[in-house]
Every structure is written in structure tokens, then in C-alpha cells.
PDB file of all heavy atoms in Angstrom:
ATOM      1  N   ALA A   1       0.856  -1.203  -0.012  1.00  0.00           N
ATOM      2  CA  ALA A   1       0.012  -0.021   0.000  1.00  0.00           C
ATOM      3  C   ALA A   1       0.852   1.271  -0.047  1.00  0.00           C
ATOM      4  O   ALA A   1       0.474   2.292  -0.525  1.00  0.00           O
ATOM      5  CB  ALA A   1      -0.903   0.003   1.227  1.00  0.00           C
ATOM      6  N   ALA A   2       2.102   1.159   0.609  1.00  0.00           N
ATOM      7  CA  ALA A   2       3.010   2.303   0.649  1.00  0.00           C
ATOM      8  C   ALA A   2       3.532   2.668  -0.675  1.00  0.00           C
ATOM      9  O   ALA A   2       4.187   3.727  -0.825  1.00  0.00           O
ATOM     10  CB  ALA A   2       4.096   2.029   1.624  1.00  0.00           C
ATOM     11  N   THR A   3       3.380   1.829  -1.762  1.00  0.00           N
ATOM     12  CA  THR A   3       3.831   2.194  -3.084  1.00  0.00           C
ATOM     13  C   THR A   3       3.172   3.510  -3.595  1.00  0.00           C
ATOM     14  O   THR A   3       3.745   4.265  -4.351  1.00  0.00           O
ATOM     15  CB  THR A   3       3.549   1.046  -4.078  1.00  0.00           C
ATOM     16  OG1 THR A   3       2.145   0.778  -4.085  1.00  0.00           O
ATOM     17  CG2 THR A   3       4.341  -0.154  -3.803  1.00  0.00           C
ATOM     18  N   GLY A   4       1.905   3.773  -3.113  1.00  0.00           N
ATOM     19  CA  GLY A   4       1.263   5.025  -3.471  1.00  0.00           C
ATOM     20  C   GLY A   4       1.990   6.217  -2.822  1.00  0.00           C
ATOM     21  O   GLY A   4       2.167   7.302  -3.459  1.00  0.00           O
ATOM     22  N   ILE A   5       2.423   6.057  -1.587  1.00  0.00           N
ATOM     23  CA  ILE A   5       3.181   7.150  -0.897  1.00  0.00           C
ATOM     24  C   ILE A   5       4.509   7.348  -1.599  1.00  0.00           C
ATOM     25  O   ILE A   5       4.966   8.475  -1.871  1.00  0.00           O
ATOM     26  CB  ILE A   5       3.371   6.857   0.534  1.00  0.00           C
ATOM     27  CG1 ILE A   5       2.058   6.725   1.225  1.00  0.00           C
ATOM     28  CG2 ILE A   5       4.185   7.925   1.206  1.00  0.00           C
ATOM     29  CD1 ILE A   5       2.102   6.363   2.684  1.00  0.00           C
ATOM     30  N   VAL A   6       5.210   6.241  -1.874  1.00  0.00           N
ATOM     31  CA  VAL A   6       6.602   6.267  -2.558  1.00  0.00           C
ATOM     32  C   VAL A   6       6.466   6.976  -3.966  1.00  0.00           C
ATOM     33  O   VAL A   6       7.391   7.670  -4.296  1.00  0.00           O
ATOM     34  CB  VAL A   6       7.096   4.901  -2.673  1.00  0.00           C
ATOM     35  CG1 VAL A   6       8.387   4.876  -3.560  1.00  0.00           C
ATOM     36  CG2 VAL A   6       7.453   4.303  -1.316  1.00  0.00           C
ATOM     37  N   THR A   7       5.338   6.814  -4.567  1.00  0.00           N
ATOM     38  CA  THR A   7       5.145   7.449  -5.918  1.00  0.00           C
ATOM     39  C   THR A   7       4.829   8.942  -5.746  1.00  0.00           C
ATOM     40  O   THR A   7       5.289   9.800  -6.483  1.00  0.00           O
ATOM     41  CB  THR A   7       4.043   6.734  -6.674  1.00  0.00           C
ATOM     42  OG1 THR A   7       4.441   5.329  -6.833  1.00  0.00           O
ATOM     43  CG2 THR A   7       3.725   7.410  -8.035  1.00  0.00           C
ATOM     44  N   ALA A   8       3.900   9.243  -4.839  1.00  0.00           N
ATOM     45  CA  ALA A   8       3.295  10.686  -4.782  1.00  0.00           C
ATOM     46  C   ALA A   8       4.177  11.690  -4.070  1.00  0.00           C
ATOM     47  O   ALA A   8       4.285  12.828  -4.510  1.00  0.00           O
ATOM     48  CB  ALA A   8       1.944  10.580  -4.235  1.00  0.00           C
ATOM     49  N   VAL A   9       4.872  11.235  -2.966  1.00  0.00           N
ATOM     50  CA  VAL A   9       5.545  12.222  -2.203  1.00  0.00           C
ATOM     51  C   VAL A   9       6.771  12.929  -2.951  1.00  0.00           C
ATOM     52  O   VAL A   9       6.831  14.111  -2.868  1.00  0.00           O
ATOM     53  CB  VAL A   9       6.113  11.598  -0.835  1.00  0.00           C
ATOM     54  CG1 VAL A   9       7.064  12.532  -0.149  1.00  0.00           C
ATOM     55  CG2 VAL A   9       4.990  11.221   0.054  1.00  0.00           C
ATOM     56  N   PRO A  10       7.539  12.146  -3.694  1.00  0.00           N
ATOM     57  CA  PRO A  10       8.537  12.837  -4.461  1.00  0.00           C
ATOM     58  C   PRO A  10       7.958  13.868  -5.473  1.00  0.00           C
ATOM     59  O   PRO A  10       8.535  14.895  -5.803  1.00  0.00           O
ATOM     60  CB  PRO A  10       9.375  11.791  -5.104  1.00  0.00           C
ATOM     61  CG  PRO A  10       9.124  10.589  -4.358  1.00  0.00           C
ATOM     62  CD  PRO A  10       7.726  10.755  -3.803  1.00  0.00           C
ATOM     63  N   LEU A  11       6.822  13.445  -6.067  1.00  0.00           N
ATOM     64  CA  LEU A  11       6.239  14.234  -7.100  1.00  0.00           C
ATOM     65  C   LEU A  11       5.743  15.588  -6.466  1.00  0.00           C
ATOM     66  O   LEU A  11       5.807  16.646  -7.060  1.00  0.00           O
ATOM     67  CB  LEU A  11       4.987  13.527  -7.754  1.00  0.00           C
ATOM     68  CG  LEU A  11       4.322  14.282  -8.945  1.00  0.00           C
ATOM     69  CD1 LEU A  11       5.231  14.464 -10.017  1.00  0.00           C
ATOM     70  CD2 LEU A  11       3.064  13.518  -9.345  1.00  0.00           C
ATOM     71  N   ILE A  12       5.162  15.491  -5.223  1.00  0.00           N
ATOM     72  CA  ILE A  12       4.697  16.690  -4.499  1.00  0.00           C
ATOM     73  C   ILE A  12       5.909  17.622  -4.260  1.00  0.00           C
ATOM     74  O   ILE A  12       5.777  18.795  -4.394  1.00  0.00           O
ATOM     75  CB  ILE A  12       3.948  16.308  -3.201  1.00  0.00           C
ATOM     76  CG1 ILE A  12       2.636  15.555  -3.575  1.00  0.00           C
ATOM     77  CG2 ILE A  12       3.653  17.508  -2.402  1.00  0.00           C
ATOM     78  CD1 ILE A  12       1.956  14.914  -2.366  1.00  0.00           C
ATOM     79  N   CYS A  13       6.995  17.066  -3.777  1.00  0.00           N
ATOM     80  CA  CYS A  13       8.163  17.874  -3.578  1.00  0.00           C
ATOM     81  C   CYS A  13       8.719  18.518  -4.832  1.00  0.00           C
ATOM     82  O   CYS A  13       9.103  19.645  -4.891  1.00  0.00           O
ATOM     83  CB  CYS A  13       9.282  16.958  -2.943  1.00  0.00           C
ATOM     84  SG  CYS A  13       9.011  16.444  -1.270  1.00  0.00           S
ATOM     85  N   PHE A  14       8.663  17.754  -5.876  1.00  0.00           N
ATOM     86  CA  PHE A  14       9.096  18.304  -7.216  1.00  0.00           C
ATOM     87  C   PHE A  14       8.208  19.505  -7.619  1.00  0.00           C
ATOM     88  O   PHE A  14       8.609  20.532  -8.092  1.00  0.00           O
ATOM     89  CB  PHE A  14       9.060  17.227  -8.311  1.00  0.00           C
ATOM     90  CG  PHE A  14       9.401  17.803  -9.696  1.00  0.00           C
ATOM     91  CD1 PHE A  14      10.699  17.955 -10.077  1.00  0.00           C
ATOM     92  CD2 PHE A  14       8.355  18.047 -10.534  1.00  0.00           C
ATOM     93  CE1 PHE A  14      10.980  18.398 -11.297  1.00  0.00           C
ATOM     94  CE2 PHE A  14       8.690  18.569 -11.812  1.00  0.00           C
ATOM     95  CZ  PHE A  14       9.980  18.755 -12.225  1.00  0.00           C
ATOM     96  N   GLY A  15       6.899  19.332  -7.445  1.00  0.00           N
ATOM     97  CA  GLY A  15       5.962  20.421  -7.726  1.00  0.00           C
ATOM     98  C   GLY A  15       6.263  21.633  -6.921  1.00  0.00           C
ATOM     99  O   GLY A  15       6.190  22.733  -7.447  1.00  0.00           O
ATOM    100  N   ALA A  16       6.522  21.400  -5.608  1.00  0.00           N
ATOM    101  CA  ALA A  16       6.865  22.565  -4.750  1.00  0.00           C
ATOM    102  C   ALA A  16       8.179  23.268  -5.280  1.00  0.00           C
ATOM    103  O   ALA A  16       8.312  24.457  -5.108  1.00  0.00           O
ATOM    104  CB  ALA A  16       6.966  22.096  -3.338  1.00  0.00           C
ATOM    105  N   ALA A  17       9.170  22.458  -5.713  1.00  0.00           N
ATOM    106  CA  ALA A  17      10.361  23.074  -6.196  1.00  0.00           C
ATOM    107  C   ALA A  17      10.220  23.795  -7.490  1.00  0.00           C
ATOM    108  O   ALA A  17      10.829  24.848  -7.686  1.00  0.00           O
ATOM    109  CB  ALA A  17      11.459  21.967  -6.349  1.00  0.00           C
ATOM    110  N   ALA A  18       9.349  23.265  -8.431  1.00  0.00           N
ATOM    111  CA  ALA A  18       9.156  23.805  -9.703  1.00  0.00           C
ATOM    112  C   ALA A  18       8.645  25.254  -9.681  1.00  0.00           C
ATOM    113  O   ALA A  18       9.040  26.071 -10.566  1.00  0.00           O
ATOM    114  CB  ALA A  18       8.291  22.951 -10.579  1.00  0.00           C
ATOM    115  N   VAL A  19       7.979  25.618  -8.672  1.00  0.00           N
ATOM    116  CA  VAL A  19       7.384  27.008  -8.599  1.00  0.00           C
ATOM    117  C   VAL A  19       8.279  28.001  -7.843  1.00  0.00           C
ATOM    118  O   VAL A  19       8.032  29.115  -7.663  1.00  0.00           O
ATOM    119  CB  VAL A  19       5.975  27.068  -7.947  1.00  0.00           C
ATOM    120  CG1 VAL A  19       5.028  26.232  -8.753  1.00  0.00           C
ATOM    121  CG2 VAL A  19       6.049  26.456  -6.565  1.00  0.00           C
ATOM    122  N   ARG A  20       9.393  27.449  -7.372  1.00  0.00           N
ATOM    123  CA  ARG A  20      10.248  28.273  -6.519  1.00  0.00           C
ATOM    124  C   ARG A  20      11.614  28.450  -7.025  1.00  0.00           C
ATOM    125  O   ARG A  20      12.365  29.437  -6.737  1.00  0.00           O
ATOM    126  CB  ARG A  20      10.423  27.636  -5.068  1.00  0.00           C
ATOM    127  CG  ARG A  20       9.152  27.758  -4.203  1.00  0.00           C
ATOM    128  CD  ARG A  20       9.361  27.021  -2.941  1.00  0.00           C
ATOM    129  NE  ARG A  20       8.217  27.252  -2.034  1.00  0.00           N
ATOM    130  CZ  ARG A  20       7.084  26.592  -2.007  1.00  0.00           C
ATOM    131  NH1 ARG A  20       6.956  25.615  -2.818  1.00  0.00           N
ATOM    132  NH2 ARG A  20       6.103  26.911  -1.128  1.00  0.00           N
ATOM    133  N   VAL A  21      12.143  27.563  -7.905  1.00  0.00           N
ATOM    134  CA  VAL A  21      13.526  27.705  -8.422  1.00  0.00           C
ATOM    135  C   VAL A  21      13.449  27.658  -9.930  1.00  0.00           C
ATOM    136  O   VAL A  21      12.483  27.117 -10.548  1.00  0.00           O
ATOM    137  CB  VAL A  21      14.457  26.509  -7.888  1.00  0.00           C
ATOM    138  CG1 VAL A  21      14.586  26.641  -6.513  1.00  0.00           C
ATOM    139  CG2 VAL A  21      13.930  25.170  -8.390  1.00  0.00           C
ATOM    140  N   PRO A  22      14.483  28.196 -10.638  1.00  0.00           N
ATOM    141  CA  PRO A  22      14.469  28.177 -12.077  1.00  0.00           C
ATOM    142  C   PRO A  22      14.508  26.790 -12.649  1.00  0.00           C
ATOM    143  O   PRO A  22      15.034  25.795 -12.063  1.00  0.00           O
ATOM    144  CB  PRO A  22      15.847  28.957 -12.411  1.00  0.00           C
ATOM    145  CG  PRO A  22      16.131  29.787 -11.170  1.00  0.00           C
ATOM    146  CD  PRO A  22      15.623  28.891 -10.024  1.00  0.00           C
ATOM    147  N   LEU A  23      14.029  26.681 -13.919  1.00  0.00           N
ATOM    148  CA  LEU A  23      13.968  25.394 -14.622  1.00  0.00           C
ATOM    149  C   LEU A  23      15.479  24.893 -14.833  1.00  0.00           C
ATOM    150  O   LEU A  23      15.662  23.620 -14.776  1.00  0.00           O
ATOM    151  CB  LEU A  23      13.280  25.490 -15.867  1.00  0.00           C
ATOM    152  CG  LEU A  23      11.719  25.472 -15.745  1.00  0.00           C
ATOM    153  CD1 LEU A  23      11.159  25.685 -17.144  1.00  0.00           C
ATOM    154  CD2 LEU A  23      11.194  24.300 -15.123  1.00  0.00           C
ATOM    155  N   SER A  24      16.357  25.858 -15.027  1.00  0.00           N
ATOM    156  CA  SER A  24      17.766  25.451 -15.243  1.00  0.00           C
ATOM    157  C   SER A  24      18.356  24.681 -14.030  1.00  0.00           C
ATOM    158  O   SER A  24      19.081  23.748 -14.116  1.00  0.00           O
ATOM    159  CB  SER A  24      18.637  26.643 -15.552  1.00  0.00           C
ATOM    160  OG  SER A  24      18.511  27.659 -14.578  1.00  0.00           O
ATOM    161  N   THR A  25      17.960  25.163 -12.852  1.00  0.00           N
ATOM    162  CA  THR A  25      18.355  24.523 -11.568  1.00  0.00           C
ATOM    163  C   THR A  25      17.825  23.090 -11.505  1.00  0.00           C
ATOM    164  O   THR A  25      18.483  22.099 -11.130  1.00  0.00           O
ATOM    165  CB  THR A  25      17.987  25.295 -10.317  1.00  0.00           C
ATOM    166  OG1 THR A  25      18.475  26.694 -10.462  1.00  0.00           O
ATOM    167  CG2 THR A  25      18.395  24.672  -9.057  1.00  0.00           C
ATOM    168  N   LEU A  26      16.516  22.927 -11.829  1.00  0.00           N
ATOM    169  CA  LEU A  26      15.883  21.646 -11.812  1.00  0.00           C
ATOM    170  C   LEU A  26      16.545  20.702 -12.837  1.00  0.00           C
ATOM    171  O   LEU A  26      16.697  19.514 -12.617  1.00  0.00           O
ATOM    172  CB  LEU A  26      14.382  21.728 -12.109  1.00  0.00           C
ATOM    173  CG  LEU A  26      13.545  22.293 -10.999  1.00  0.00           C
ATOM    174  CD1 LEU A  26      12.063  22.339 -11.486  1.00  0.00           C
ATOM    175  CD2 LEU A  26      13.595  21.433  -9.777  1.00  0.00           C
ATOM    176  N   GLY A  27      16.985  21.335 -13.993  1.00  0.00           N
ATOM    177  CA  GLY A  27      17.657  20.546 -14.984  1.00  0.00           C
ATOM    178  C   GLY A  27      18.992  19.917 -14.496  1.00  0.00           C
ATOM    179  O   GLY A  27      19.336  18.772 -14.918  1.00  0.00           O
ATOM    180  N   LEU A  28      19.700  20.676 -13.671  1.00  0.00           N
ATOM    181  CA  LEU A  28      20.864  20.205 -13.046  1.00  0.00           C
ATOM    182  C   LEU A  28      20.621  19.168 -11.943  1.00  0.00           C
ATOM    183  O   LEU A  28      21.344  18.131 -11.821  1.00  0.00           O
ATOM    184  CB  LEU A  28      21.738  21.289 -12.521  1.00  0.00           C
ATOM    185  CG  LEU A  28      22.265  22.319 -13.631  1.00  0.00           C
ATOM    186  CD1 LEU A  28      22.998  23.456 -12.911  1.00  0.00           C
ATOM    187  CD2 LEU A  28      23.218  21.604 -14.580  1.00  0.00           C
ATOM    188  N   LEU A  29      19.622  19.397 -11.202  1.00  0.00           N
ATOM    189  CA  LEU A  29      19.274  18.477 -10.053  1.00  0.00           C
ATOM    190  C   LEU A  29      18.768  17.111 -10.539  1.00  0.00           C
ATOM    191  O   LEU A  29      18.947  16.115  -9.782  1.00  0.00           O
ATOM    192  CB  LEU A  29      18.174  19.086  -9.217  1.00  0.00           C
ATOM    193  CG  LEU A  29      18.537  20.324  -8.290  1.00  0.00           C
ATOM    194  CD1 LEU A  29      17.291  20.797  -7.588  1.00  0.00           C
ATOM    195  CD2 LEU A  29      19.613  19.986  -7.396  1.00  0.00           C
ATOM    196  N   GLN A  30      18.280  17.023 -11.815  1.00  0.00           N
ATOM    197  CA  GLN A  30      17.742  15.749 -12.311  1.00  0.00           C
ATOM    198  C   GLN A  30      18.807  14.662 -12.303  1.00  0.00           C
ATOM    199  O   GLN A  30      18.550  13.483 -12.290  1.00  0.00           O
ATOM    200  CB  GLN A  30      17.127  16.024 -13.735  1.00  0.00           C
ATOM    201  CG  GLN A  30      18.225  16.144 -14.821  1.00  0.00           C
ATOM    202  CD  GLN A  30      17.576  16.232 -16.224  1.00  0.00           C
ATOM    203  OE1 GLN A  30      16.660  15.441 -16.477  1.00  0.00           O
ATOM    204  NE2 GLN A  30      18.071  17.128 -17.044  1.00  0.00           N
ATOM    205  N   TYR A  31      20.094  15.065 -12.366  1.00  0.00           N
ATOM    206  CA  TYR A  31      21.208  14.065 -12.428  1.00  0.00           C
ATOM    207  C   TYR A  31      21.383  13.439 -11.139  1.00  0.00           C
ATOM    208  O   TYR A  31      22.042  12.349 -11.004  1.00  0.00           O
ATOM    209  CB  TYR A  31      22.433  14.657 -12.976  1.00  0.00           C
ATOM    210  CG  TYR A  31      22.389  15.191 -14.367  1.00  0.00           C
ATOM    211  CD1 TYR A  31      22.704  16.548 -14.724  1.00  0.00           C
ATOM    212  CD2 TYR A  31      21.932  14.356 -15.371  1.00  0.00           C
ATOM    213  CE1 TYR A  31      22.492  16.954 -16.005  1.00  0.00           C
ATOM    214  CE2 TYR A  31      21.790  14.826 -16.681  1.00  0.00           C
ATOM    215  CZ  TYR A  31      22.135  16.142 -17.015  1.00  0.00           C
ATOM    216  OH  TYR A  31      22.018  16.598 -18.318  1.00  0.00           O
TER     217      TYR A  31
END
């Protein structure tokens, strides 16, 4: 059942980051 949490929590954090930092920074963090 925790697979839902493992899937959604990083996505929520990513969404919070996307509205606060430049896309170029996210592009570097992806590695």
C-alpha cells in the first residue's frame, strides 16, 4: 500500500520546487 506514498511524495516535492527555483536548476538536479 505504501507504493502510493513512494510514488506521490517525491512528485509533490518536485511540484513545490518547480514553482520556486528556475528550470535550469531543476535541470541540473535531475542528475
